[in-house]
């Protein structure tokens, strides 16, 4: 990750049934996010709930991504077709610890 502090956007969600184009859009959004100024990385997991954490240099970078035209389309489709519930948290990362063998 970048030098601290940086920001984490934590997106947790519960999906509706069926794919309905979700997988394709998720991959498209991941690739598009990587090209955005201030993007630092992403981690995600999905079982009963989905958790995606994206990392950003600044609140301004997060705001620009939220307002990106293609991302706005994906957000609307998410509300209409893919999610029965979601929750977004934006956190400032002051420090981190890593363990690796």
N, C-alpha and C. Protein backbone atom coordinates (compact mmCIF):
# COMPACT_ATOMS: atom_id res chain seq x y z
N UNK A 1 0.84 -1.19 0.00
CA UNK A 1 0.00 0.00 0.00
C UNK A 1 0.88 1.25 0.00
N UNK A 2 0.27 2.35 -0.17
CA UNK A 2 0.95 3.65 -0.18
C UNK A 2 1.38 4.04 1.22
N UNK A 3 2.04 5.17 1.32
CA UNK A 3 2.39 5.71 2.62
C UNK A 3 1.12 6.14 3.34
N UNK A 4 1.12 6.02 4.63
CA UNK A 4 -0.04 6.35 5.43
C UNK A 4 -0.12 7.84 5.67
N UNK A 5 -1.26 8.41 5.96
CA UNK A 5 -2.56 7.73 5.91
C UNK A 5 -3.12 7.68 4.49
N UNK A 6 -4.02 6.73 4.28
CA UNK A 6 -4.77 6.62 3.03
C UNK A 6 -6.19 6.21 3.41
N UNK A 7 -7.04 5.96 2.46
CA UNK A 7 -8.45 5.70 2.74
C UNK A 7 -8.89 4.35 2.20
N UNK A 8 -9.82 3.74 2.92
CA UNK A 8 -10.43 2.47 2.52
C UNK A 8 -11.93 2.69 2.38
N UNK A 9 -12.47 2.25 1.25
CA UNK A 9 -13.92 2.24 1.05
C UNK A 9 -14.35 0.79 1.19
N UNK A 10 -15.15 0.53 2.22
CA UNK A 10 -15.61 -0.83 2.51
C UNK A 10 -17.06 -0.94 2.03
N UNK A 11 -17.27 -1.80 1.06
CA UNK A 11 -18.59 -2.00 0.46
C UNK A 11 -19.04 -3.42 0.79
N UNK A 12 -20.05 -3.55 1.64
CA UNK A 12 -20.61 -4.86 1.96
C UNK A 12 -21.98 -4.94 1.32
N UNK A 13 -22.33 -6.13 0.80
CA UNK A 13 -23.59 -6.24 0.07
C UNK A 13 -24.20 -7.63 0.20
N UNK A 14 -25.51 -7.65 0.02
CA UNK A 14 -26.27 -8.89 -0.11
C UNK A 14 -26.87 -8.86 -1.51
N UNK A 15 -26.66 -9.90 -2.27
CA UNK A 15 -27.09 -9.96 -3.66
C UNK A 15 -28.51 -10.49 -3.80
N UNK A 16 -29.14 -10.11 -4.90
CA UNK A 16 -30.39 -10.73 -5.32
C UNK A 16 -30.03 -12.02 -6.06
N UNK A 17 -31.03 -12.80 -6.45
CA UNK A 17 -30.77 -14.06 -7.15
C UNK A 17 -30.33 -13.85 -8.59
N UNK A 18 -29.52 -14.78 -9.10
CA UNK A 18 -29.08 -14.73 -10.49
C UNK A 18 -27.96 -13.74 -10.71
N UNK A 19 -27.26 -13.91 -11.82
CA UNK A 19 -26.14 -13.04 -12.14
C UNK A 19 -26.60 -11.75 -12.80
N UNK A 20 -27.48 -11.85 -13.79
CA UNK A 20 -28.04 -10.68 -14.47
C UNK A 20 -26.99 -9.68 -14.95
N UNK A 21 -25.84 -10.18 -15.40
CA UNK A 21 -24.79 -9.30 -15.90
C UNK A 21 -23.85 -8.75 -14.83
N UNK A 22 -24.03 -9.20 -13.58
CA UNK A 22 -23.23 -8.67 -12.47
C UNK A 22 -21.74 -8.96 -12.64
N UNK A 23 -21.39 -10.21 -12.94
CA UNK A 23 -19.97 -10.60 -13.02
C UNK A 23 -19.22 -9.78 -14.06
N UNK A 24 -19.84 -9.59 -15.21
CA UNK A 24 -19.21 -8.80 -16.27
C UNK A 24 -19.01 -7.35 -15.83
N UNK A 25 -20.03 -6.76 -15.21
CA UNK A 25 -19.93 -5.38 -14.77
C UNK A 25 -18.91 -5.23 -13.65
N UNK A 26 -18.86 -6.20 -12.73
CA UNK A 26 -17.90 -6.13 -11.62
C UNK A 26 -16.48 -6.12 -12.15
N UNK A 27 -16.19 -6.95 -13.13
CA UNK A 27 -14.85 -6.99 -13.73
C UNK A 27 -14.56 -5.67 -14.46
N UNK A 28 -15.54 -5.16 -15.18
CA UNK A 28 -15.38 -3.89 -15.88
C UNK A 28 -15.07 -2.75 -14.90
N UNK A 29 -15.80 -2.72 -13.78
CA UNK A 29 -15.59 -1.66 -12.78
C UNK A 29 -14.23 -1.80 -12.11
N UNK A 30 -13.81 -3.04 -11.84
CA UNK A 30 -12.49 -3.25 -11.24
C UNK A 30 -11.39 -2.73 -12.17
N UNK A 31 -11.49 -3.06 -13.45
CA UNK A 31 -10.49 -2.59 -14.41
C UNK A 31 -10.53 -1.08 -14.57
N UNK A 32 -11.71 -0.49 -14.57
CA UNK A 32 -11.84 0.96 -14.70
C UNK A 32 -11.29 1.67 -13.46
N UNK A 33 -11.57 1.13 -12.28
CA UNK A 33 -11.08 1.74 -11.04
C UNK A 33 -9.55 1.81 -11.03
N UNK A 34 -8.92 0.76 -11.55
CA UNK A 34 -7.44 0.71 -11.57
C UNK A 34 -6.83 1.88 -12.34
N UNK A 35 -7.58 2.44 -13.28
CA UNK A 35 -7.07 3.55 -14.10
C UNK A 35 -7.37 4.92 -13.49
N UNK A 36 -8.05 4.97 -12.35
CA UNK A 36 -8.45 6.25 -11.76
C UNK A 36 -7.31 6.86 -10.95
N UNK A 37 -7.14 8.17 -11.04
CA UNK A 37 -6.13 8.83 -10.20
C UNK A 37 -6.43 8.60 -8.72
N UNK A 38 -5.41 8.25 -7.98
CA UNK A 38 -5.55 8.05 -6.54
C UNK A 38 -5.93 6.63 -6.13
N UNK A 39 -6.15 5.73 -7.09
CA UNK A 39 -6.50 4.34 -6.77
C UNK A 39 -5.25 3.61 -6.30
N UNK A 40 -5.37 2.85 -5.21
CA UNK A 40 -4.22 2.13 -4.65
C UNK A 40 -4.35 0.62 -4.71
N UNK A 41 -5.58 0.10 -4.76
CA UNK A 41 -5.75 -1.35 -4.78
C UNK A 41 -7.13 -1.77 -4.34
N UNK A 42 -7.37 -3.10 -4.38
CA UNK A 42 -8.68 -3.63 -4.02
C UNK A 42 -8.54 -5.06 -3.52
N UNK A 43 -9.43 -5.44 -2.59
CA UNK A 43 -9.56 -6.80 -2.11
C UNK A 43 -11.05 -7.11 -2.05
N UNK A 44 -11.42 -8.36 -2.35
CA UNK A 44 -12.85 -8.69 -2.25
C UNK A 44 -13.05 -10.17 -1.96
N UNK A 45 -14.22 -10.46 -1.39
CA UNK A 45 -14.63 -11.83 -1.09
C UNK A 45 -16.15 -11.88 -1.14
N UNK A 46 -16.70 -13.03 -1.55
CA UNK A 46 -18.15 -13.16 -1.58
C UNK A 46 -18.53 -14.57 -1.16
N UNK A 47 -19.41 -14.62 -0.17
CA UNK A 47 -20.09 -15.85 0.21
C UNK A 47 -21.53 -15.44 0.45
N UNK A 48 -21.99 -15.49 1.70
CA UNK A 48 -23.35 -15.05 1.99
C UNK A 48 -23.48 -13.55 1.80
N UNK A 49 -22.44 -12.82 2.18
CA UNK A 49 -22.38 -11.40 1.89
C UNK A 49 -21.12 -11.14 1.09
N UNK A 50 -21.13 -10.07 0.32
CA UNK A 50 -19.94 -9.67 -0.42
C UNK A 50 -19.25 -8.55 0.32
N UNK A 51 -17.94 -8.56 0.29
CA UNK A 51 -17.14 -7.50 0.88
C UNK A 51 -16.09 -7.10 -0.14
N UNK A 52 -16.12 -5.84 -0.53
CA UNK A 52 -15.09 -5.30 -1.42
C UNK A 52 -14.51 -4.07 -0.73
N UNK A 53 -13.20 -4.06 -0.62
CA UNK A 53 -12.50 -2.92 -0.02
C UNK A 53 -11.59 -2.33 -1.09
N UNK A 54 -11.82 -1.07 -1.41
CA UNK A 54 -10.91 -0.38 -2.33
C UNK A 54 -10.13 0.65 -1.54
N UNK A 55 -8.90 0.90 -1.98
CA UNK A 55 -7.99 1.78 -1.26
C UNK A 55 -7.66 2.98 -2.15
N UNK A 56 -7.64 4.17 -1.53
CA UNK A 56 -7.50 5.42 -2.26
C UNK A 56 -6.57 6.38 -1.53
N UNK A 57 -5.91 7.24 -2.29
CA UNK A 57 -5.00 8.24 -1.72
C UNK A 57 -5.72 9.33 -0.95
N UNK A 58 -6.95 9.68 -1.38
CA UNK A 58 -7.62 10.84 -0.78
C UNK A 58 -9.14 10.72 -0.88
N UNK A 59 -9.82 11.55 -0.09
CA UNK A 59 -11.27 11.64 -0.18
C UNK A 59 -11.70 12.19 -1.54
N UNK A 60 -10.89 13.08 -2.11
CA UNK A 60 -11.19 13.63 -3.42
C UNK A 60 -11.17 12.54 -4.50
N UNK A 61 -10.21 11.62 -4.42
CA UNK A 61 -10.13 10.51 -5.38
C UNK A 61 -11.36 9.61 -5.24
N UNK A 62 -11.79 9.36 -4.00
CA UNK A 62 -12.99 8.55 -3.77
C UNK A 62 -14.21 9.24 -4.37
N UNK A 63 -14.33 10.54 -4.15
CA UNK A 63 -15.46 11.29 -4.69
C UNK A 63 -15.48 11.28 -6.20
N UNK A 64 -14.32 11.41 -6.82
CA UNK A 64 -14.25 11.39 -8.28
C UNK A 64 -14.68 10.02 -8.82
N UNK A 65 -14.27 8.94 -8.15
CA UNK A 65 -14.67 7.59 -8.57
C UNK A 65 -16.17 7.42 -8.41
N UNK A 66 -16.73 7.88 -7.30
CA UNK A 66 -18.17 7.75 -7.09
C UNK A 66 -18.95 8.47 -8.19
N UNK A 67 -18.42 9.58 -8.69
CA UNK A 67 -19.11 10.37 -9.70
C UNK A 67 -18.76 9.99 -11.15
N UNK A 68 -17.85 9.02 -11.33
CA UNK A 68 -17.45 8.62 -12.68
C UNK A 68 -18.69 8.11 -13.43
N UNK A 69 -18.85 8.55 -14.66
CA UNK A 69 -20.06 8.25 -15.45
C UNK A 69 -20.36 6.76 -15.52
N UNK A 70 -19.38 5.93 -15.85
CA UNK A 70 -19.61 4.48 -15.96
C UNK A 70 -19.92 3.87 -14.59
N UNK A 71 -19.28 4.38 -13.56
CA UNK A 71 -19.55 3.88 -12.21
C UNK A 71 -20.97 4.25 -11.78
N UNK A 72 -21.44 5.42 -12.16
CA UNK A 72 -22.82 5.82 -11.86
C UNK A 72 -23.82 4.86 -12.50
N UNK A 73 -23.55 4.44 -13.72
CA UNK A 73 -24.42 3.46 -14.40
C UNK A 73 -24.44 2.15 -13.61
N UNK A 74 -23.27 1.69 -13.19
CA UNK A 74 -23.17 0.45 -12.42
C UNK A 74 -23.91 0.57 -11.09
N UNK A 75 -23.80 1.73 -10.43
CA UNK A 75 -24.49 1.94 -9.16
C UNK A 75 -26.01 1.83 -9.34
N UNK A 76 -26.54 2.44 -10.39
CA UNK A 76 -27.98 2.39 -10.65
C UNK A 76 -28.44 0.97 -10.93
N UNK A 77 -27.65 0.22 -11.72
CA UNK A 77 -27.99 -1.18 -12.00
C UNK A 77 -27.92 -2.01 -10.73
N UNK A 78 -26.96 -1.70 -9.87
CA UNK A 78 -26.85 -2.42 -8.60
C UNK A 78 -28.10 -2.26 -7.77
N UNK A 79 -28.59 -1.05 -7.66
CA UNK A 79 -29.81 -0.79 -6.88
C UNK A 79 -31.01 -1.48 -7.53
N UNK A 80 -31.08 -1.40 -8.86
CA UNK A 80 -32.22 -1.95 -9.57
C UNK A 80 -32.19 -3.47 -9.68
N UNK A 81 -30.99 -4.07 -9.94
CA UNK A 81 -30.93 -5.48 -10.33
C UNK A 81 -30.14 -6.41 -9.42
N UNK A 82 -29.09 -5.93 -8.75
CA UNK A 82 -28.13 -6.85 -8.15
C UNK A 82 -28.13 -6.93 -6.64
N UNK A 83 -28.51 -5.89 -5.95
CA UNK A 83 -28.38 -5.87 -4.49
C UNK A 83 -29.74 -5.78 -3.82
N UNK A 84 -29.91 -6.60 -2.78
CA UNK A 84 -31.08 -6.42 -1.92
C UNK A 84 -30.73 -5.49 -0.76
N UNK A 85 -29.41 -5.33 -0.53
CA UNK A 85 -28.94 -4.45 0.54
C UNK A 85 -27.46 -4.19 0.33
N UNK A 86 -27.01 -2.98 0.65
CA UNK A 86 -25.58 -2.72 0.70
C UNK A 86 -25.28 -1.63 1.72
N UNK A 87 -24.03 -1.57 2.11
CA UNK A 87 -23.56 -0.61 3.12
C UNK A 87 -22.17 -0.16 2.70
N UNK A 88 -21.94 1.14 2.71
CA UNK A 88 -20.63 1.70 2.34
C UNK A 88 -20.05 2.43 3.55
N UNK A 89 -18.81 2.14 3.83
CA UNK A 89 -18.09 2.82 4.91
C UNK A 89 -16.79 3.38 4.33
N UNK A 90 -16.46 4.60 4.69
CA UNK A 90 -15.21 5.20 4.24
C UNK A 90 -14.36 5.46 5.48
N UNK A 91 -13.17 4.89 5.48
CA UNK A 91 -12.31 4.93 6.66
C UNK A 91 -10.93 5.48 6.31
N UNK A 92 -10.36 6.19 7.23
CA UNK A 92 -8.98 6.65 7.08
C UNK A 92 -8.07 5.62 7.74
N UNK A 93 -7.10 5.12 7.00
CA UNK A 93 -6.15 4.13 7.51
C UNK A 93 -4.95 4.88 8.07
N UNK A 94 -4.77 4.78 9.37
CA UNK A 94 -3.66 5.46 10.04
C UNK A 94 -2.41 4.59 10.10
N UNK A 95 -2.62 3.27 10.26
CA UNK A 95 -1.49 2.34 10.28
C UNK A 95 -1.99 0.97 9.91
N UNK A 96 -1.07 0.11 9.55
CA UNK A 96 -1.41 -1.26 9.18
C UNK A 96 -0.31 -2.19 9.63
N UNK A 97 -0.66 -3.46 9.76
CA UNK A 97 0.28 -4.50 10.12
C UNK A 97 0.15 -5.62 9.12
N UNK A 98 1.25 -6.22 8.75
CA UNK A 98 1.24 -7.29 7.76
C UNK A 98 2.04 -8.46 8.29
N UNK A 99 1.55 -9.68 8.09
CA UNK A 99 2.29 -10.90 8.39
C UNK A 99 2.30 -11.73 7.13
N UNK A 100 3.43 -12.30 6.80
CA UNK A 100 3.55 -13.17 5.63
C UNK A 100 4.69 -14.13 5.86
N UNK A 101 4.47 -15.41 5.58
CA UNK A 101 5.54 -16.40 5.69
C UNK A 101 6.29 -16.49 4.41
